[in-house]
Amino acid sequence: MDTTTAYFLDYADEEFDGKPFNGLSFMATLERLDPDMAFWSDTHEGYSAWSVALHVAYYKYFVAKSLGAAASIEPYPFEKGSYGFGKPATADAASWKAVLDYSRKAHSIVMAAIRAAGPEKLAQMMPEWDIPYGKTVAWLASHDVFHGAQIRNMGVPGLKESSEI
């Protein structure tokens, strides 16, 4: 793998669950939420952080499956709504922990598959979306950043304002 691609993939890992340059990682944002905060959906956009977390996890699973690497995270364990947004019937600590654990595992699996894919595979078209896998990889990284910022700006009670983080 060339150095530029390695930097990009390392940065994607940091944005998901590390110490990125631009603020809290996606997982650090989720970990600031207890189950009730995550479940709360009276937000500016009507989404809960829980449903956004499921959406992000679903697309990591989806891309891993497209790359032929999802066996260890199948079947997808959560109810899936439109575009992967889902929400359990109740909020409890065990269910929230399951979402966080699956999110980390799905990220690890998809990133390992991407690193193993090589430039030839990344140049191939992802049949489900008719775009190159390489572009899908770039989208995955920005997806984490977008939704982390979205959650921090949803108005979830108890989550500190971004200027206080």
C-alpha atoms as a PDB file:
ATOM      1  CA  MET A   1       0.000   0.000   0.000  1.00  0.00           C
ATOM      2  CA  ASP A   2       1.376   3.421  -0.889  1.00  0.00           C
ATOM      3  CA  THR A   3       2.049   5.978   1.838  1.00  0.00           C
ATOM      4  CA  THR A   4      -0.742   8.361   0.798  1.00  0.00           C
ATOM      5  CA  THR A   5      -3.374   5.630   0.938  1.00  0.00           C
ATOM      6  CA  ALA A   6      -2.031   4.429   4.288  1.00  0.00           C
ATOM      7  CA  TYR A   7      -2.281   7.976   5.683  1.00  0.00           C
ATOM      8  CA  PHE A   8      -5.844   8.266   4.432  1.00  0.00           C
ATOM      9  CA  LEU A   9      -6.908   4.952   5.958  1.00  0.00           C
ATOM     10  CA  ASP A  10      -5.166   5.733   9.250  1.00  0.00           C
ATOM     11  CA  TYR A  11      -7.000   9.059   9.320  1.00  0.00           C
ATOM     12  CA  ALA A  12     -10.304   7.281   8.702  1.00  0.00           C
ATOM     13  CA  ASP A  13      -9.552   5.096  11.727  1.00  0.00           C
ATOM     14  CA  GLU A  14      -8.791   8.186  13.828  1.00  0.00           C
ATOM     15  CA  GLU A  15     -12.024   9.894  12.776  1.00  0.00           C
ATOM     16  CA  PHE A  16     -13.962   6.798  13.750  1.00  0.00           C
ATOM     17  CA  ASP A  17     -12.355   5.919  17.077  1.00  0.00           C
ATOM     18  CA  GLY A  18      -9.168   7.826  17.727  1.00  0.00           C
ATOM     19  CA  LYS A  19      -7.937  11.337  18.339  1.00  0.00           C
ATOM     20  CA  PRO A  20      -8.623  13.178  15.091  1.00  0.00           C
ATOM     21  CA  PHE A  21      -7.392  16.657  14.325  1.00  0.00           C
ATOM     22  CA  ASN A  22     -10.891  18.146  14.037  1.00  0.00           C
ATOM     23  CA  GLY A  23     -12.424  17.257  17.409  1.00  0.00           C
ATOM     24  CA  LEU A  24     -14.110  14.217  18.874  1.00  0.00           C
ATOM     25  CA  SER A  25     -14.150  10.977  16.949  1.00  0.00           C
ATOM     26  CA  PHE A  26     -17.457   9.354  16.074  1.00  0.00           C
ATOM     27  CA  MET A  27     -17.124   6.768  18.853  1.00  0.00           C
ATOM     28  CA  ALA A  28     -15.980   9.328  21.431  1.00  0.00           C
ATOM     29  CA  THR A  29     -19.144  11.267  20.642  1.00  0.00           C
ATOM     30  CA  LEU A  30     -21.319   8.183  21.107  1.00  0.00           C
ATOM     31  CA  GLU A  31     -19.576   7.251  24.343  1.00  0.00           C
ATOM     32  CA  ARG A  32     -20.607  10.583  25.877  1.00  0.00           C
ATOM     33  CA  LEU A  33     -24.211   9.401  25.636  1.00  0.00           C
ATOM     34  CA  ASP A  34     -26.026   7.158  28.062  1.00  0.00           C
ATOM     35  CA  PRO A  35     -28.785   4.959  26.581  1.00  0.00           C
ATOM     36  CA  ASP A  36     -31.545   7.472  27.320  1.00  0.00           C
ATOM     37  CA  MET A  37     -29.610  10.326  25.705  1.00  0.00           C
ATOM     38  CA  ALA A  38     -28.830   8.159  22.676  1.00  0.00           C
ATOM     39  CA  PHE A  39     -32.473   7.099  22.379  1.00  0.00           C
ATOM     40  CA  TRP A  40     -33.884  10.636  22.608  1.00  0.00           C
ATOM     41  CA  SER A  41     -35.329  11.648  19.239  1.00  0.00           C
ATOM     42  CA  ASP A  42     -36.832  15.088  19.848  1.00  0.00           C
ATOM     43  CA  THR A  43     -33.833  16.500  18.007  1.00  0.00           C
ATOM     44  CA  HIS A  44     -33.569  19.227  15.399  1.00  0.00           C
ATOM     45  CA  GLU A  45     -33.786  16.637  12.599  1.00  0.00           C
ATOM     46  CA  GLY A  46     -35.992  14.059  14.316  1.00  0.00           C
ATOM     47  CA  TYR A  47     -33.250  11.420  14.481  1.00  0.00           C
ATOM     48  CA  SER A  48     -31.848   9.894  17.629  1.00  0.00           C
ATOM     49  CA  ALA A  49     -28.120   9.379  18.107  1.00  0.00           C
ATOM     50  CA  TRP A  50     -28.980   5.694  18.469  1.00  0.00           C
ATOM     51  CA  SER A  51     -30.556   5.556  15.013  1.00  0.00           C
ATOM     52  CA  VAL A  52     -27.601   7.451  13.527  1.00  0.00           C
ATOM     53  CA  ALA A  53     -25.171   5.008  15.176  1.00  0.00           C
ATOM     54  CA  LEU A  54     -27.094   2.107  13.634  1.00  0.00           C
ATOM     55  CA  HIS A  55     -27.051   3.830  10.245  1.00  0.00           C
ATOM     56  CA  VAL A  56     -23.255   4.240  10.372  1.00  0.00           C
ATOM     57  CA  ALA A  57     -22.751   0.644  11.545  1.00  0.00           C
ATOM     58  CA  TYR A  58     -25.057  -0.653   8.819  1.00  0.00           C
ATOM     59  CA  TYR A  59     -23.076   0.969   6.030  1.00  0.00           C
ATOM     60  CA  LYS A  60     -19.804  -0.392   7.387  1.00  0.00           C
ATOM     61  CA  TYR A  61     -21.446  -3.820   7.311  1.00  0.00           C
ATOM     62  CA  PHE A  62     -22.840  -3.133   3.825  1.00  0.00           C
ATOM     63  CA  VAL A  63     -19.432  -2.201   2.371  1.00  0.00           C
ATOM     64  CA  ALA A  64     -17.703  -5.108   4.157  1.00  0.00           C
ATOM     65  CA  LYS A  65     -20.315  -7.449   2.686  1.00  0.00           C
ATOM     66  CA  SER A  66     -19.762  -6.015  -0.785  1.00  0.00           C
ATOM     67  CA  LEU A  67     -16.030  -6.640  -0.354  1.00  0.00           C
ATOM     68  CA  GLY A  68     -16.762 -10.241   0.682  1.00  0.00           C
ATOM     69  CA  ALA A  69     -15.540  -9.666   4.236  1.00  0.00           C
ATOM     70  CA  ALA A  70     -18.698  -9.587   6.370  1.00  0.00           C
ATOM     71  CA  ALA A  71     -18.908 -13.250   7.445  1.00  0.00           C
ATOM     72  CA  SER A  72     -17.883 -12.527  11.044  1.00  0.00           C
ATOM     73  CA  ILE A  73     -20.474  -9.747  11.433  1.00  0.00           C
ATOM     74  CA  GLU A  74     -23.395 -11.486   9.736  1.00  0.00           C
ATOM     75  CA  PRO A  75     -26.241 -11.515   9.971  1.00  0.00           C
ATOM     76  CA  TYR A  76     -26.667  -7.818  10.617  1.00  0.00           C
ATOM     77  CA  PRO A  77     -28.010  -7.946  14.184  1.00  0.00           C
ATOM     78  CA  PHE A  78     -30.226  -4.866  14.388  1.00  0.00           C
ATOM     79  CA  GLU A  79     -33.567  -3.923  12.920  1.00  0.00           C
ATOM     80  CA  LYS A  80     -32.831  -1.923   9.802  1.00  0.00           C
ATOM     81  CA  GLY A  81     -35.060   0.892   8.707  1.00  0.00           C
ATOM     82  CA  SER A  82     -34.691   3.032   5.628  1.00  0.00           C
ATOM     83  CA  TYR A  83     -31.011   3.657   4.806  1.00  0.00           C
ATOM     84  CA  GLY A  84     -29.954   1.656   7.859  1.00  0.00           C
ATOM     85  CA  PHE A  85     -31.618   3.963  10.365  1.00  0.00           C
ATOM     86  CA  GLY A  86     -33.144   1.855  13.102  1.00  0.00           C
ATOM     87  CA  LYS A  87     -34.260   2.202  16.680  1.00  0.00           C
ATOM     88  CA  PRO A  88     -34.939  -0.403  19.345  1.00  0.00           C
ATOM     89  CA  ALA A  89     -38.234  -0.484  21.225  1.00  0.00           C
ATOM     90  CA  THR A  90     -36.507   0.435  24.498  1.00  0.00           C
ATOM     91  CA  ALA A  91     -33.242   1.986  25.575  1.00  0.00           C
ATOM     92  CA  ASP A  92     -31.134  -0.039  27.966  1.00  0.00           C
ATOM     93  CA  ALA A  93     -27.439  -0.215  28.733  1.00  0.00           C
ATOM     94  CA  ALA A  94     -26.921  -3.708  27.296  1.00  0.00           C
ATOM     95  CA  SER A  95     -28.542  -2.790  23.970  1.00  0.00           C
ATOM     96  CA  TRP A  96     -26.555   0.446  23.699  1.00  0.00           C
ATOM     97  CA  LYS A  97     -23.324  -1.426  24.482  1.00  0.00           C
ATOM     98  CA  ALA A  98     -24.198  -3.942  21.755  1.00  0.00           C
ATOM     99  CA  VAL A  99     -24.518  -1.077  19.248  1.00  0.00           C
ATOM    100  CA  LEU A 100     -21.155   0.390  20.287  1.00  0.00           C
ATOM    101  CA  ASP A 101     -19.430  -3.012  20.222  1.00  0.00           C
ATOM    102  CA  TYR A 102     -20.871  -3.934  16.816  1.00  0.00           C
ATOM    103  CA  SER A 103     -19.902  -0.523  15.442  1.00  0.00           C
ATOM    104  CA  ARG A 104     -16.275  -1.062  16.440  1.00  0.00           C
ATOM    105  CA  LYS A 105     -16.227  -4.602  15.078  1.00  0.00           C
ATOM    106  CA  ALA A 106     -17.827  -3.591  11.769  1.00  0.00           C
ATOM    107  CA  HIS A 107     -15.339  -0.724  11.404  1.00  0.00           C
ATOM    108  CA  SER A 108     -12.419  -3.037  12.101  1.00  0.00           C
ATOM    109  CA  ILE A 109     -13.680  -5.611   9.587  1.00  0.00           C
ATOM    110  CA  VAL A 110     -14.360  -3.140   6.775  1.00  0.00           C
ATOM    111  CA  MET A 111     -11.034  -1.330   7.267  1.00  0.00           C
ATOM    112  CA  ALA A 112      -9.111  -4.619   7.249  1.00  0.00           C
ATOM    113  CA  ALA A 113     -10.919  -5.575   4.035  1.00  0.00           C
ATOM    114  CA  ILE A 114     -10.058  -2.225   2.469  1.00  0.00           C
ATOM    115  CA  ARG A 115      -6.393  -2.503   3.464  1.00  0.00           C
ATOM    116  CA  ALA A 116      -6.256  -6.029   2.043  1.00  0.00           C
ATOM    117  CA  ALA A 117      -8.043  -5.071  -1.171  1.00  0.00           C
ATOM    118  CA  GLY A 118      -5.180  -3.320  -2.900  1.00  0.00           C
ATOM    119  CA  PRO A 119      -5.320  -0.726  -5.664  1.00  0.00           C
ATOM    120  CA  GLU A 120      -6.774  -3.079  -8.277  1.00  0.00           C
ATOM    121  CA  LYS A 121      -9.835  -3.849  -6.147  1.00  0.00           C
ATOM    122  CA  LEU A 122     -10.258  -0.213  -5.134  1.00  0.00           C
ATOM    123  CA  ALA A 123     -10.381   0.691  -8.833  1.00  0.00           C
ATOM    124  CA  GLN A 124     -13.157  -1.868  -9.473  1.00  0.00           C
ATOM    125  CA  MET A 125     -16.782  -0.821  -9.441  1.00  0.00           C
ATOM    126  CA  MET A 126     -18.860  -1.574  -6.364  1.00  0.00           C
ATOM    127  CA  PRO A 127     -21.831  -3.260  -8.027  1.00  0.00           C
ATOM    128  CA  GLU A 128     -24.427  -2.103  -5.486  1.00  0.00           C
ATOM    129  CA  TRP A 129     -23.677   1.588  -6.064  1.00  0.00           C
ATOM    130  CA  ASP A 130     -21.933   1.578  -9.453  1.00  0.00           C
ATOM    131  CA  ILE A 131     -18.990   3.611  -8.160  1.00  0.00           C
ATOM    132  CA  PRO A 132     -15.372   2.550  -7.631  1.00  0.00           C
ATOM    133  CA  TYR A 133     -14.612   0.929  -4.286  1.00  0.00           C
ATOM    134  CA  GLY A 134     -11.980   3.630  -3.766  1.00  0.00           C
ATOM    135  CA  LYS A 135     -14.662   6.303  -3.864  1.00  0.00           C
ATOM    136  CA  THR A 136     -16.737   4.240  -1.456  1.00  0.00           C
ATOM    137  CA  VAL A 137     -13.785   4.208   0.949  1.00  0.00           C
ATOM    138  CA  ALA A 138     -13.495   7.998   0.772  1.00  0.00           C
ATOM    139  CA  TRP A 139     -17.229   8.247   1.440  1.00  0.00           C
ATOM    140  CA  LEU A 140     -16.998   5.973   4.503  1.00  0.00           C
ATOM    141  CA  ALA A 141     -14.455   8.282   6.159  1.00  0.00           C
ATOM    142  CA  SER A 142     -16.480  11.412   5.526  1.00  0.00           C
ATOM    143  CA  HIS A 143     -19.628   9.578   6.636  1.00  0.00           C
ATOM    144  CA  ASP A 144     -18.207   9.093  10.139  1.00  0.00           C
ATOM    145  CA  VAL A 145     -17.146  12.742  10.359  1.00  0.00           C
ATOM    146  CA  PHE A 146     -20.516  14.000   9.135  1.00  0.00           C
ATOM    147  CA  HIS A 147     -22.571  11.904  11.519  1.00  0.00           C
ATOM    148  CA  GLY A 148     -20.318  12.595  14.500  1.00  0.00           C
ATOM    149  CA  ALA A 149     -20.831  16.315  13.939  1.00  0.00           C
ATOM    150  CA  GLN A 150     -24.544  15.749  13.335  1.00  0.00           C
ATOM    151  CA  ILE A 151     -24.932  14.036  16.712  1.00  0.00           C
ATOM    152  CA  ARG A 152     -22.985  16.780  18.496  1.00  0.00           C
ATOM    153  CA  ASN A 153     -25.322  19.376  16.979  1.00  0.00           C
ATOM    154  CA  MET A 154     -28.670  17.587  17.412  1.00  0.00           C
ATOM    155  CA  GLY A 155     -29.483  19.280  20.687  1.00  0.00           C
ATOM    156  CA  VAL A 156     -29.352  16.083  22.754  1.00  0.00           C
ATOM    157  CA  PRO A 157     -29.960  17.109  26.392  1.00  0.00           C
ATOM    158  CA  GLY A 158     -26.858  16.585  28.493  1.00  0.00           C
ATOM    159  CA  LEU A 159     -24.452  16.467  25.575  1.00  0.00           C
ATOM    160  CA  LYS A 160     -22.128  19.419  25.887  1.00  0.00           C
ATOM    161  CA  GLU A 161     -22.236  22.073  23.228  1.00  0.00           C
ATOM    162  CA  SER A 162     -19.398  21.757  20.729  1.00  0.00           C
ATOM    163  CA  SER A 163     -17.656  24.845  22.115  1.00  0.00           C
ATOM    164  CA  GLU A 164     -17.471  23.135  25.523  1.00  0.00           C
ATOM    165  CA  ILE A 165     -16.006  19.852  24.258  1.00  0.00           C
END
